[in-house]
């Protein structure tokens, strides 16, 4: 990551998914987390470190127009 004090972007991670539960809309398949906050923020608060499981999702569309 370019900025060490910034949490990894969950929305770009292969493990992130939107939960069916409106009270806990964010989910991480790697850690089995469902929360109101982004999972990377919960991992940071719980462990004191940034999420070690972040892996860029290669299936995301690029924002560039070719």
C-alpha atoms as a PDB file:
ATOM      1  CA  UNK A   1       0.000   0.000   0.000  1.00  0.00           C
ATOM      2  CA  UNK A   2       1.141   3.517  -0.715  1.00  0.00           C
ATOM      3  CA  UNK A   3       0.007   4.969   2.611  1.00  0.00           C
ATOM      4  CA  UNK A   4       0.831   2.778   5.623  1.00  0.00           C
ATOM      5  CA  UNK A   5      -1.648   4.498   7.961  1.00  0.00           C
ATOM      6  CA  UNK A   6      -4.556   3.896   5.580  1.00  0.00           C
ATOM      7  CA  UNK A   7      -6.704   0.787   5.777  1.00  0.00           C
ATOM      8  CA  UNK A   8      -6.909  -1.390   2.658  1.00  0.00           C
ATOM      9  CA  UNK A   9      -9.925  -0.584   0.467  1.00  0.00           C
ATOM     10  CA  UNK A  10     -12.391  -3.359   1.319  1.00  0.00           C
ATOM     11  CA  UNK A  11     -14.568  -2.546  -1.675  1.00  0.00           C
ATOM     12  CA  UNK A  12     -11.698  -3.574  -3.967  1.00  0.00           C
ATOM     13  CA  UNK A  13     -10.849  -6.790  -2.098  1.00  0.00           C
ATOM     14  CA  UNK A  14     -11.688 -10.249  -3.426  1.00  0.00           C
ATOM     15  CA  UNK A  15     -12.999 -11.265   0.021  1.00  0.00           C
ATOM     16  CA  UNK A  16     -15.477  -8.364   0.424  1.00  0.00           C
ATOM     17  CA  UNK A  17     -19.166  -8.845  -0.188  1.00  0.00           C
ATOM     18  CA  UNK A  18     -22.370  -7.012   0.605  1.00  0.00           C
ATOM     19  CA  UNK A  19     -24.329  -8.809   3.317  1.00  0.00           C
ATOM     20  CA  UNK A  20     -28.019  -9.590   3.092  1.00  0.00           C
ATOM     21  CA  UNK A  21     -28.471  -8.193   6.600  1.00  0.00           C
ATOM     22  CA  UNK A  22     -29.374  -4.462   6.475  1.00  0.00           C
ATOM     23  CA  UNK A  23     -28.105  -4.001  10.044  1.00  0.00           C
ATOM     24  CA  UNK A  24     -24.684  -5.384   9.097  1.00  0.00           C
ATOM     25  CA  UNK A  25     -24.231  -4.580   5.402  1.00  0.00           C
ATOM     26  CA  UNK A  26     -20.479  -5.258   5.069  1.00  0.00           C
ATOM     27  CA  UNK A  27     -19.042  -8.758   5.026  1.00  0.00           C
ATOM     28  CA  UNK A  28     -15.618 -10.397   4.731  1.00  0.00           C
ATOM     29  CA  UNK A  29     -15.609 -14.002   3.532  1.00  0.00           C
ATOM     30  CA  UNK A  30     -12.003 -14.535   4.639  1.00  0.00           C
ATOM     31  CA  UNK A  31     -12.623 -13.733   8.309  1.00  0.00           C
ATOM     32  CA  UNK A  32     -16.347 -14.456   8.501  1.00  0.00           C
ATOM     33  CA  UNK A  33     -17.080 -10.886   9.595  1.00  0.00           C
ATOM     34  CA  UNK A  34     -20.403  -9.084   9.148  1.00  0.00           C
ATOM     35  CA  UNK A  35     -20.423  -5.512  10.446  1.00  0.00           C
ATOM     36  CA  UNK A  36     -21.773  -2.008  10.118  1.00  0.00           C
ATOM     37  CA  UNK A  37     -18.274  -0.722   9.390  1.00  0.00           C
ATOM     38  CA  UNK A  38     -15.927  -1.850   6.667  1.00  0.00           C
ATOM     39  CA  UNK A  39     -14.248  -5.100   7.754  1.00  0.00           C
ATOM     40  CA  UNK A  40     -10.749  -3.608   7.427  1.00  0.00           C
ATOM     41  CA  UNK A  41     -11.639  -1.009  10.069  1.00  0.00           C
ATOM     42  CA  UNK A  42     -12.870  -3.729  12.415  1.00  0.00           C
ATOM     43  CA  UNK A  43      -9.669  -5.759  11.891  1.00  0.00           C
ATOM     44  CA  UNK A  44      -7.561  -2.646  12.572  1.00  0.00           C
ATOM     45  CA  UNK A  45      -9.431  -1.874  15.774  1.00  0.00           C
ATOM     46  CA  UNK A  46      -9.274  -5.488  16.985  1.00  0.00           C
ATOM     47  CA  UNK A  47      -5.649  -6.304  16.129  1.00  0.00           C
ATOM     48  CA  UNK A  48      -3.943  -2.923  15.838  1.00  0.00           C
ATOM     49  CA  UNK A  49      -2.751  -3.845  12.332  1.00  0.00           C
ATOM     50  CA  UNK A  50      -4.091  -3.408   8.830  1.00  0.00           C
ATOM     51  CA  UNK A  51      -5.938  -6.329   7.286  1.00  0.00           C
ATOM     52  CA  UNK A  52      -3.410  -9.025   6.324  1.00  0.00           C
ATOM     53  CA  UNK A  53      -5.854 -10.795   3.976  1.00  0.00           C
ATOM     54  CA  UNK A  54      -6.408  -7.945   1.501  1.00  0.00           C
ATOM     55  CA  UNK A  55      -6.137  -9.179  -2.066  1.00  0.00           C
ATOM     56  CA  UNK A  56      -7.112  -7.001  -5.018  1.00  0.00           C
ATOM     57  CA  UNK A  57     -10.154  -8.337  -6.833  1.00  0.00           C
ATOM     58  CA  UNK A  58      -9.102  -8.824 -10.461  1.00  0.00           C
ATOM     59  CA  UNK A  59     -12.726  -9.140 -11.614  1.00  0.00           C
ATOM     60  CA  UNK A  60     -13.488  -5.473 -10.931  1.00  0.00           C
ATOM     61  CA  UNK A  61     -14.046  -3.273 -13.935  1.00  0.00           C
ATOM     62  CA  UNK A  62     -11.481  -0.598 -14.601  1.00  0.00           C
ATOM     63  CA  UNK A  63     -12.568   3.043 -14.471  1.00  0.00           C
ATOM     64  CA  UNK A  64     -10.597   3.864 -17.597  1.00  0.00           C
ATOM     65  CA  UNK A  65     -12.321   4.159 -20.938  1.00  0.00           C
ATOM     66  CA  UNK A  66     -10.465   2.667 -23.864  1.00  0.00           C
END
